[in-house]
Amino acid sequence: MGEHIKRINRELKFKGAIIDFYQDTIEIDGNHTATWDFIKHKGAAAVVPVTEDGKILMVRQYRNALDRYTLEIPAGALDSEDEPGIACASRELEEETGYRCDNLEWLITLRTTVAFCNERIEVFVAKNLVPSHQHLDEDEFIELKAYTLDELKEKIFAGEIEDSKTVSSLMAYAVKYGK
């Protein structure tokens, strides 16, 4: 069972600013169909900004879906599906933290919710930060604070940081840089 799965229809149900919601009709083994939800996302990029003293800059912001503030690495949606992730990460770094970096290093690529969404997030590391200034969107209210990696790992294991891109990125950074 499930050897031959084929999408036979995709119907747009809602077109939003960030996501498009579809219902797919799927043929399974040629003998029955199922309806599966699909969310199309144009993609995103994120960055782990590391200060000269090795601390990581984090943003605290309100997230409507959770109805609370979260602590996250800086991130944002691609301007278009074909925008390079490194360009988006560079832009988000400056917009959200007020720092630039001339040499972002790729860290990891994430697929956030593979069961029903195609969102892809490329994550980069930014070192040798150069002060600039924030360019927050009119609906963004961000607090910026630096933490040691150990402090952030404690927050992850205490359940204070649950954002998947942030958890994955910080743990990948810890493994890659041996901290």
N, C-alpha and C. Protein backbone atom coordinates (compact mmCIF):
# COMPACT_ATOMS: atom_id res chain seq x y z
N MET A 1 0.84 -1.19 0.00
CA MET A 1 0.00 0.00 0.00
C MET A 1 0.88 1.25 0.00
N GLY A 2 0.41 2.27 -0.68
CA GLY A 2 1.13 3.52 -0.71
C GLY A 2 2.34 3.52 -1.62
N GLU A 3 2.45 2.51 -2.48
CA GLU A 3 3.60 2.43 -3.38
C GLU A 3 3.54 3.49 -4.47
N HIS A 4 2.34 3.81 -4.92
CA HIS A 4 2.18 4.75 -6.02
C HIS A 4 1.26 5.88 -5.58
N ILE A 5 1.86 7.01 -5.34
CA ILE A 5 1.10 8.18 -4.90
C ILE A 5 1.24 9.24 -5.98
N LYS A 6 0.10 9.78 -6.42
CA LYS A 6 0.10 10.76 -7.50
C LYS A 6 -0.90 11.86 -7.19
N ARG A 7 -0.44 13.10 -7.29
CA ARG A 7 -1.36 14.22 -7.12
C ARG A 7 -2.13 14.37 -8.43
N ILE A 8 -3.46 14.37 -8.33
CA ILE A 8 -4.27 14.50 -9.55
C ILE A 8 -4.97 15.86 -9.64
N ASN A 9 -4.94 16.62 -8.53
CA ASN A 9 -5.54 17.96 -8.57
C ASN A 9 -4.97 18.79 -7.43
N ARG A 10 -4.80 20.07 -7.68
CA ARG A 10 -4.42 21.04 -6.63
C ARG A 10 -5.32 22.24 -6.80
N GLU A 11 -6.08 22.55 -5.75
CA GLU A 11 -7.03 23.66 -5.80
C GLU A 11 -6.66 24.72 -4.78
N LEU A 12 -6.46 25.95 -5.26
CA LEU A 12 -6.15 27.08 -4.39
C LEU A 12 -7.39 27.44 -3.58
N LYS A 13 -7.28 27.42 -2.26
CA LYS A 13 -8.41 27.75 -1.39
C LYS A 13 -8.29 29.15 -0.81
N PHE A 14 -7.02 29.61 -0.62
CA PHE A 14 -6.80 30.93 -0.03
C PHE A 14 -5.42 31.43 -0.44
N LYS A 15 -5.37 32.66 -0.90
CA LYS A 15 -4.09 33.29 -1.26
C LYS A 15 -3.82 34.39 -0.24
N GLY A 16 -2.75 34.23 0.51
CA GLY A 16 -2.42 35.20 1.54
C GLY A 16 -1.16 35.98 1.23
N ALA A 17 -0.80 36.85 2.14
CA ALA A 17 0.40 37.67 1.98
C ALA A 17 1.67 36.84 2.16
N ILE A 18 1.63 35.82 3.01
CA ILE A 18 2.81 35.01 3.30
C ILE A 18 2.67 33.60 2.75
N ILE A 19 1.47 33.06 2.80
CA ILE A 19 1.25 31.67 2.38
C ILE A 19 0.06 31.59 1.43
N ASP A 20 0.06 30.51 0.65
CA ASP A 20 -1.10 30.14 -0.15
C ASP A 20 -1.54 28.76 0.34
N PHE A 21 -2.85 28.59 0.54
CA PHE A 21 -3.38 27.33 1.04
C PHE A 21 -4.09 26.59 -0.09
N TYR A 22 -3.72 25.33 -0.28
CA TYR A 22 -4.29 24.49 -1.32
C TYR A 22 -4.88 23.22 -0.70
N GLN A 23 -5.83 22.62 -1.42
CA GLN A 23 -6.26 21.27 -1.12
C GLN A 23 -5.89 20.42 -2.33
N ASP A 24 -5.14 19.37 -2.06
CA ASP A 24 -4.69 18.46 -3.10
C ASP A 24 -5.54 17.20 -3.08
N THR A 25 -5.86 16.70 -4.26
CA THR A 25 -6.49 15.39 -4.38
C THR A 25 -5.39 14.43 -4.79
N ILE A 26 -5.20 13.39 -3.98
CA ILE A 26 -4.11 12.44 -4.15
C ILE A 26 -4.68 11.07 -4.48
N GLU A 27 -4.13 10.46 -5.53
CA GLU A 27 -4.50 9.09 -5.88
C GLU A 27 -3.46 8.15 -5.28
N ILE A 28 -3.95 7.16 -4.54
CA ILE A 28 -3.05 6.22 -3.86
C ILE A 28 -3.27 4.83 -4.44
N ASP A 29 -2.19 4.26 -4.98
CA ASP A 29 -2.19 2.91 -5.57
C ASP A 29 -3.24 2.74 -6.65
N GLY A 30 -3.68 3.84 -7.25
CA GLY A 30 -4.62 3.75 -8.35
C GLY A 30 -6.01 3.30 -7.97
N ASN A 31 -6.27 3.07 -6.66
CA ASN A 31 -7.59 2.56 -6.31
C ASN A 31 -8.37 3.40 -5.31
N HIS A 32 -7.77 4.43 -4.73
CA HIS A 32 -8.57 5.36 -3.93
C HIS A 32 -7.89 6.71 -3.86
N THR A 33 -8.66 7.72 -3.45
CA THR A 33 -8.15 9.08 -3.37
C THR A 33 -8.24 9.59 -1.95
N ALA A 34 -7.41 10.58 -1.69
CA ALA A 34 -7.41 11.26 -0.39
C ALA A 34 -7.26 12.75 -0.65
N THR A 35 -7.70 13.54 0.31
CA THR A 35 -7.54 14.99 0.24
C THR A 35 -6.49 15.39 1.27
N TRP A 36 -5.45 16.05 0.78
CA TRP A 36 -4.36 16.51 1.65
C TRP A 36 -4.25 18.03 1.57
N ASP A 37 -3.95 18.65 2.68
CA ASP A 37 -3.72 20.09 2.71
C ASP A 37 -2.28 20.37 2.29
N PHE A 38 -2.08 21.49 1.62
CA PHE A 38 -0.74 21.92 1.23
C PHE A 38 -0.64 23.42 1.40
N ILE A 39 0.40 23.87 2.07
CA ILE A 39 0.67 25.29 2.23
C ILE A 39 1.93 25.63 1.46
N LYS A 40 1.81 26.55 0.53
CA LYS A 40 2.95 27.00 -0.26
C LYS A 40 3.53 28.26 0.38
N HIS A 41 4.83 28.23 0.58
CA HIS A 41 5.55 29.35 1.21
C HIS A 41 6.72 29.70 0.29
N LYS A 42 6.96 30.99 0.08
CA LYS A 42 8.03 31.37 -0.86
C LYS A 42 9.43 31.17 -0.30
N GLY A 43 9.54 30.86 0.98
CA GLY A 43 10.85 30.60 1.57
C GLY A 43 11.28 31.72 2.49
N ALA A 44 12.35 31.45 3.23
CA ALA A 44 12.84 32.42 4.21
C ALA A 44 14.33 32.20 4.42
N ALA A 45 14.91 33.09 5.18
CA ALA A 45 16.31 32.96 5.56
C ALA A 45 16.45 33.46 6.99
N ALA A 46 17.47 32.97 7.66
CA ALA A 46 17.73 33.36 9.05
C ALA A 46 19.23 33.48 9.25
N VAL A 47 19.59 34.06 10.36
CA VAL A 47 21.02 34.29 10.62
C VAL A 47 21.31 34.17 12.12
N VAL A 48 22.44 33.55 12.42
CA VAL A 48 22.96 33.46 13.79
C VAL A 48 24.05 34.53 13.88
N PRO A 49 23.72 35.70 14.48
CA PRO A 49 24.69 36.78 14.55
C PRO A 49 25.57 36.64 15.81
N VAL A 50 26.87 36.54 15.59
CA VAL A 50 27.81 36.29 16.68
C VAL A 50 28.65 37.55 16.91
N THR A 51 28.60 38.06 18.13
CA THR A 51 29.37 39.26 18.46
C THR A 51 30.84 38.93 18.63
N GLU A 52 31.65 39.96 18.74
CA GLU A 52 33.09 39.80 18.88
C GLU A 52 33.46 38.96 20.11
N ASP A 53 32.65 39.08 21.19
CA ASP A 53 32.92 38.31 22.41
C ASP A 53 32.23 36.94 22.42
N GLY A 54 31.69 36.52 21.25
CA GLY A 54 31.11 35.18 21.12
C GLY A 54 29.66 35.04 21.53
N LYS A 55 29.02 36.14 21.90
CA LYS A 55 27.59 36.07 22.24
C LYS A 55 26.77 36.09 20.96
N ILE A 56 25.54 35.63 21.09
CA ILE A 56 24.63 35.56 19.95
C ILE A 56 23.51 36.57 20.15
N LEU A 57 23.29 37.40 19.13
CA LEU A 57 22.22 38.38 19.18
C LEU A 57 20.89 37.70 18.89
N MET A 58 19.94 37.94 19.77
CA MET A 58 18.61 37.34 19.64
C MET A 58 17.57 38.45 19.61
N VAL A 59 16.46 38.18 18.92
CA VAL A 59 15.37 39.14 18.87
C VAL A 59 14.18 38.60 19.66
N ARG A 60 13.61 39.48 20.44
CA ARG A 60 12.38 39.16 21.17
C ARG A 60 11.27 39.92 20.47
N GLN A 61 10.25 39.15 20.03
CA GLN A 61 9.16 39.79 19.31
C GLN A 61 7.85 39.06 19.56
N TYR A 62 6.75 39.78 19.37
CA TYR A 62 5.43 39.20 19.54
C TYR A 62 5.08 38.36 18.32
N ARG A 63 4.55 37.16 18.58
CA ARG A 63 4.10 36.27 17.50
C ARG A 63 2.61 36.02 17.66
N ASN A 64 1.84 36.50 16.70
CA ASN A 64 0.39 36.40 16.76
C ASN A 64 -0.10 34.96 16.86
N ALA A 65 0.53 34.03 16.12
CA ALA A 65 0.07 32.64 16.12
C ALA A 65 0.13 32.02 17.52
N LEU A 66 1.07 32.47 18.33
CA LEU A 66 1.21 31.95 19.69
C LEU A 66 0.62 32.88 20.74
N ASP A 67 0.27 34.09 20.34
CA ASP A 67 -0.25 35.11 21.24
C ASP A 67 0.69 35.38 22.41
N ARG A 68 1.99 35.47 22.07
CA ARG A 68 3.00 35.78 23.09
C ARG A 68 4.30 36.20 22.43
N TYR A 69 5.22 36.65 23.25
CA TYR A 69 6.55 37.00 22.77
C TYR A 69 7.41 35.75 22.68
N THR A 70 8.32 35.75 21.71
CA THR A 70 9.25 34.64 21.55
C THR A 70 10.67 35.20 21.45
N LEU A 71 11.64 34.35 21.70
CA LEU A 71 13.05 34.69 21.55
C LEU A 71 13.57 33.87 20.37
N GLU A 72 14.07 34.58 19.34
CA GLU A 72 14.43 33.93 18.09
C GLU A 72 15.71 34.52 17.51
N ILE A 73 16.30 33.77 16.58
CA ILE A 73 17.35 34.36 15.76
C ILE A 73 16.67 35.25 14.72
N PRO A 74 17.36 36.26 14.20
CA PRO A 74 16.76 37.11 13.18
C PRO A 74 16.43 36.30 11.91
N ALA A 75 15.28 36.59 11.33
CA ALA A 75 14.84 35.85 10.14
C ALA A 75 13.75 36.62 9.43
N GLY A 76 13.51 36.22 8.20
CA GLY A 76 12.42 36.83 7.46
C GLY A 76 12.18 36.12 6.15
N ALA A 77 11.06 36.45 5.53
CA ALA A 77 10.67 35.82 4.27
C ALA A 77 11.48 36.38 3.12
N LEU A 78 11.72 35.53 2.13
CA LEU A 78 12.33 35.98 0.89
C LEU A 78 11.40 36.99 0.23
N ASP A 79 11.97 37.97 -0.47
CA ASP A 79 11.14 38.92 -1.21
C ASP A 79 10.44 38.25 -2.39
N SER A 80 11.09 37.22 -2.95
CA SER A 80 10.51 36.44 -4.03
C SER A 80 11.09 35.04 -3.94
N GLU A 81 10.43 34.08 -4.59
CA GLU A 81 10.88 32.69 -4.51
C GLU A 81 12.30 32.50 -5.03
N ASP A 82 12.75 33.37 -5.93
CA ASP A 82 14.08 33.20 -6.50
C ASP A 82 15.15 34.09 -5.85
N GLU A 83 14.79 34.82 -4.78
CA GLU A 83 15.80 35.61 -4.08
C GLU A 83 16.79 34.68 -3.39
N PRO A 84 18.08 34.90 -3.54
CA PRO A 84 19.05 34.07 -2.82
C PRO A 84 18.90 34.22 -1.31
N GLY A 85 18.97 33.10 -0.60
CA GLY A 85 18.82 33.13 0.85
C GLY A 85 19.83 34.03 1.52
N ILE A 86 21.05 34.06 1.00
CA ILE A 86 22.10 34.88 1.60
C ILE A 86 21.75 36.37 1.52
N ALA A 87 21.09 36.79 0.45
CA ALA A 87 20.67 38.19 0.32
C ALA A 87 19.59 38.52 1.36
N CYS A 88 18.65 37.61 1.51
CA CYS A 88 17.59 37.81 2.50
C CYS A 88 18.16 37.83 3.92
N ALA A 89 19.06 36.90 4.23
CA ALA A 89 19.67 36.84 5.56
C ALA A 89 20.44 38.11 5.87
N SER A 90 21.15 38.62 4.89
CA SER A 90 21.90 39.86 5.07
C SER A 90 20.97 41.03 5.36
N ARG A 91 19.89 41.11 4.61
CA ARG A 91 18.89 42.17 4.80
C ARG A 91 18.25 42.08 6.18
N GLU A 92 17.82 40.86 6.56
CA GLU A 92 17.17 40.68 7.86
C GLU A 92 18.11 40.96 9.02
N LEU A 93 19.39 40.61 8.87
CA LEU A 93 20.37 40.90 9.91
C LEU A 93 20.40 42.40 10.19
N GLU A 94 20.52 43.19 9.14
CA GLU A 94 20.59 44.64 9.34
C GLU A 94 19.26 45.21 9.80
N GLU A 95 18.16 44.77 9.18
CA GLU A 95 16.84 45.29 9.56
C GLU A 95 16.53 45.05 11.03
N GLU A 96 16.80 43.83 11.51
CA GLU A 96 16.36 43.45 12.85
C GLU A 96 17.38 43.75 13.94
N THR A 97 18.68 43.72 13.61
CA THR A 97 19.69 43.90 14.66
C THR A 97 20.43 45.22 14.57
N GLY A 98 20.45 45.84 13.40
CA GLY A 98 21.23 47.06 13.24
C GLY A 98 22.71 46.78 13.00
N TYR A 99 23.03 45.56 12.57
CA TYR A 99 24.40 45.20 12.21
C TYR A 99 24.43 44.65 10.80
N ARG A 100 25.59 44.80 10.15
CA ARG A 100 25.84 44.22 8.85
C ARG A 100 26.96 43.19 8.98
N CYS A 101 27.08 42.37 7.97
CA CYS A 101 28.19 41.42 7.90
C CYS A 101 28.53 41.24 6.44
N ASP A 102 29.82 41.37 6.13
CA ASP A 102 30.25 41.26 4.74
C ASP A 102 30.52 39.83 4.29
N ASN A 103 30.49 38.88 5.23
CA ASN A 103 30.84 37.51 4.87
C ASN A 103 29.97 36.51 5.64
N LEU A 104 28.73 36.34 5.20
CA LEU A 104 27.85 35.36 5.83
C LEU A 104 28.29 33.96 5.42
N GLU A 105 28.23 33.03 6.36
CA GLU A 105 28.62 31.64 6.11
C GLU A 105 27.38 30.75 6.25
N TRP A 106 27.12 29.93 5.22
CA TRP A 106 25.97 29.02 5.27
C TRP A 106 26.17 28.03 6.42
N LEU A 107 25.10 27.79 7.18
CA LEU A 107 25.13 26.86 8.31
C LEU A 107 24.28 25.63 8.05
N ILE A 108 23.02 25.83 7.69
CA ILE A 108 22.08 24.71 7.58
C ILE A 108 20.87 25.16 6.76
N THR A 109 20.21 24.20 6.12
CA THR A 109 18.94 24.46 5.45
C THR A 109 17.88 23.63 6.14
N LEU A 110 16.76 24.27 6.44
CA LEU A 110 15.68 23.62 7.19
C LEU A 110 14.41 23.54 6.36
N ARG A 111 13.65 22.50 6.59
CA ARG A 111 12.27 22.38 6.10
C ARG A 111 11.42 22.32 7.35
N THR A 112 10.62 23.33 7.58
CA THR A 112 9.99 23.51 8.89
C THR A 112 8.85 22.54 9.20
N THR A 113 8.00 22.27 8.26
CA THR A 113 6.82 21.43 8.52
C THR A 113 6.51 20.58 7.30
N VAL A 114 7.28 19.53 7.11
CA VAL A 114 7.23 18.75 5.87
C VAL A 114 5.90 18.02 5.64
N ALA A 115 5.09 17.87 6.64
CA ALA A 115 3.82 17.15 6.47
C ALA A 115 2.82 17.91 5.61
N PHE A 116 2.91 19.26 5.61
CA PHE A 116 1.90 20.01 4.87
C PHE A 116 2.39 21.34 4.29
N CYS A 117 3.68 21.65 4.43
CA CYS A 117 4.18 22.94 3.97
C CYS A 117 5.55 22.78 3.33
N ASN A 118 5.82 23.55 2.29
CA ASN A 118 7.11 23.46 1.60
C ASN A 118 8.12 24.50 2.07
N GLU A 119 7.85 25.20 3.17
CA GLU A 119 8.76 26.26 3.63
C GLU A 119 10.18 25.75 3.78
N ARG A 120 11.10 26.52 3.22
CA ARG A 120 12.54 26.23 3.27
C ARG A 120 13.23 27.44 3.86
N ILE A 121 14.05 27.22 4.87
CA ILE A 121 14.79 28.32 5.49
C ILE A 121 16.28 28.02 5.41
N GLU A 122 17.01 28.90 4.75
CA GLU A 122 18.46 28.81 4.75
C GLU A 122 18.98 29.64 5.93
N VAL A 123 19.90 29.05 6.69
CA VAL A 123 20.43 29.72 7.88
C VAL A 123 21.91 29.98 7.68
N PHE A 124 22.33 31.17 8.05
CA PHE A 124 23.72 31.60 7.91
C PHE A 124 24.27 32.05 9.25
N VAL A 125 25.59 32.07 9.37
CA VAL A 125 26.28 32.61 10.54
C VAL A 125 26.91 33.93 10.13
N ALA A 126 26.75 34.94 10.98
CA ALA A 126 27.36 36.25 10.74
C ALA A 126 28.34 36.55 11.87
N LYS A 127 29.60 36.69 11.52
CA LYS A 127 30.64 37.11 12.46
C LYS A 127 31.22 38.41 11.94
N ASN A 128 32.11 39.03 12.72
CA ASN A 128 32.71 40.31 12.32
C ASN A 128 31.62 41.32 11.99
N LEU A 129 30.69 41.48 12.92
CA LEU A 129 29.55 42.37 12.72
C LEU A 129 30.01 43.82 12.68
N VAL A 130 29.40 44.57 11.77
CA VAL A 130 29.69 45.99 11.60
C VAL A 130 28.44 46.77 12.01
N PRO A 131 28.56 47.71 12.98
CA PRO A 131 27.37 48.48 13.39
C PRO A 131 26.77 49.26 12.23
N SER A 132 25.46 49.26 12.17
CA SER A 132 24.69 49.99 11.17
C SER A 132 23.49 50.56 11.92
N HIS A 133 22.30 50.40 11.40
CA HIS A 133 21.10 50.75 12.16
C HIS A 133 19.92 49.89 11.71
N GLN A 134 18.99 49.69 12.65
CA GLN A 134 17.81 48.87 12.36
C GLN A 134 16.92 49.54 11.33
N HIS A 135 16.22 48.71 10.55
CA HIS A 135 15.23 49.18 9.58
C HIS A 135 13.98 48.33 9.78
N LEU A 136 13.34 48.46 10.92
CA LEU A 136 12.19 47.61 11.23
C LEU A 136 11.01 47.95 10.34
N ASP A 137 10.26 46.90 9.96
CA ASP A 137 9.00 47.12 9.26
C ASP A 137 8.05 47.82 10.23
N GLU A 138 7.04 48.49 9.69
CA GLU A 138 6.14 49.27 10.54
C GLU A 138 5.36 48.41 11.54
N ASP A 139 5.24 47.10 11.25
CA ASP A 139 4.52 46.22 12.17
C ASP A 139 5.48 45.37 13.03
N GLU A 140 6.77 45.70 13.01
CA GLU A 140 7.75 44.96 13.81
C GLU A 140 8.15 45.77 15.04
N PHE A 141 8.13 45.11 16.17
CA PHE A 141 8.58 45.69 17.43
C PHE A 141 9.52 44.67 18.05
N ILE A 142 10.81 44.95 17.95
CA ILE A 142 11.82 43.96 18.32
C ILE A 142 12.71 44.50 19.42
N GLU A 143 12.96 43.64 20.41
CA GLU A 143 13.97 43.92 21.43
C GLU A 143 15.17 43.04 21.10
N LEU A 144 16.36 43.60 21.18
CA LEU A 144 17.59 42.91 20.84
C LEU A 144 18.42 42.69 22.10
N LYS A 145 18.92 41.46 22.27
CA LYS A 145 19.75 41.15 23.43
C LYS A 145 20.75 40.06 23.06
N ALA A 146 21.95 40.14 23.64
CA ALA A 146 23.00 39.15 23.39
C ALA A 146 23.04 38.13 24.51
N TYR A 147 23.23 36.86 24.12
CA TYR A 147 23.29 35.75 25.07
C TYR A 147 24.50 34.87 24.74
N THR A 148 25.01 34.20 25.76
CA THR A 148 26.02 33.18 25.49
C THR A 148 25.30 31.95 24.93
N LEU A 149 26.04 31.12 24.23
CA LEU A 149 25.45 29.90 23.70
C LEU A 149 24.95 29.01 24.84
N ASP A 150 25.68 28.94 25.93
CA ASP A 150 25.23 28.14 27.08
C ASP A 150 23.91 28.65 27.64
N GLU A 151 23.75 29.97 27.72
CA GLU A 151 22.48 30.54 28.20
C GLU A 151 21.35 30.14 27.26
N LEU A 152 21.60 30.17 25.97
CA LEU A 152 20.56 29.82 24.99
C LEU A 152 20.23 28.34 25.04
N LYS A 153 21.22 27.49 25.21
CA LYS A 153 20.94 26.05 25.34
C LYS A 153 20.09 25.79 26.58
N GLU A 154 20.39 26.48 27.67
CA GLU A 154 19.57 26.34 28.88
C GLU A 154 18.12 26.75 28.60
N LYS A 155 17.94 27.83 27.87
CA LYS A 155 16.59 28.29 27.54
C LYS A 155 15.86 27.28 26.65
N ILE A 156 16.59 26.64 25.74
CA ILE A 156 15.99 25.60 24.89
C ILE A 156 15.50 24.44 25.75
N PHE A 157 16.38 23.94 26.61
CA PHE A 157 16.02 22.76 27.41
C PHE A 157 15.06 23.07 28.54
N ALA A 158 14.89 24.34 28.86
CA ALA A 158 13.88 24.74 29.85
C ALA A 158 12.54 25.02 29.18
N GLY A 159 12.48 24.90 27.85
CA GLY A 159 11.23 25.15 27.13
C GLY A 159 10.95 26.62 26.89
N GLU A 160 11.92 27.48 27.12
CA GLU A 160 11.71 28.91 26.91
C GLU A 160 11.89 29.31 25.45
N ILE A 161 12.66 28.53 24.69
CA ILE A 161 12.81 28.75 23.25
C ILE A 161 12.26 27.51 22.57
N GLU A 162 11.18 27.70 21.79
CA GLU A 162 10.53 26.58 21.10
C GLU A 162 10.55 26.73 19.59
N ASP A 163 10.89 27.89 19.10
CA ASP A 163 10.89 28.14 17.66
C ASP A 163 11.84 27.18 16.97
N SER A 164 11.32 26.41 16.02
CA SER A 164 12.12 25.33 15.42
C SER A 164 13.34 25.82 14.67
N LYS A 165 13.24 26.93 13.94
CA LYS A 165 14.42 27.42 13.23
C LYS A 165 15.50 27.86 14.20
N THR A 166 15.08 28.43 15.32
CA THR A 166 16.04 28.91 16.32
C THR A 166 16.71 27.74 17.03
N VAL A 167 15.92 26.78 17.47
CA VAL A 167 16.48 25.60 18.15
C VAL A 167 17.44 24.87 17.21
N SER A 168 17.00 24.58 16.00
CA SER A 168 17.83 23.85 15.04
C SER A 168 19.12 24.61 14.72
N SER A 169 18.99 25.88 14.51
CA SER A 169 20.15 26.69 14.12
C SER A 169 21.16 26.82 15.25
N LEU A 170 20.68 27.05 16.46
CA LEU A 170 21.60 27.18 17.59
C LEU A 170 22.31 25.86 17.88
N MET A 171 21.59 24.75 17.77
CA MET A 171 22.23 23.45 18.02
C MET A 171 23.21 23.12 16.90
N ALA A 172 22.87 23.46 15.66
CA ALA A 172 23.81 23.24 14.55
C ALA A 172 25.06 24.10 14.74
N TYR A 173 24.86 25.33 15.17
CA TYR A 173 26.00 26.21 15.43
C TYR A 173 26.89 25.63 16.53
N ALA A 174 26.26 25.13 17.60
CA ALA A 174 27.02 24.54 18.71
C ALA A 174 27.84 23.33 18.24
N VAL A 175 27.24 22.50 17.41
CA VAL A 175 27.96 21.31 16.92
C VAL A 175 29.09 21.73 15.97
N LYS A 176 28.79 22.61 15.04
CA LYS A 176 29.80 22.99 14.04
C LYS A 176 30.99 23.71 14.65
N TYR A 177 30.72 24.55 15.62
CA TYR A 177 31.78 25.34 16.22
C TYR A 177 32.27 24.78 17.55
N GLY A 178 31.79 23.58 17.92
CA GLY A 178 32.29 22.87 19.09
C GLY A 178 32.08 23.56 20.41
N LYS A 179 30.94 24.21 20.56
CA LYS A 179 30.69 24.95 21.79
C LYS A 179 29.60 24.31 22.61
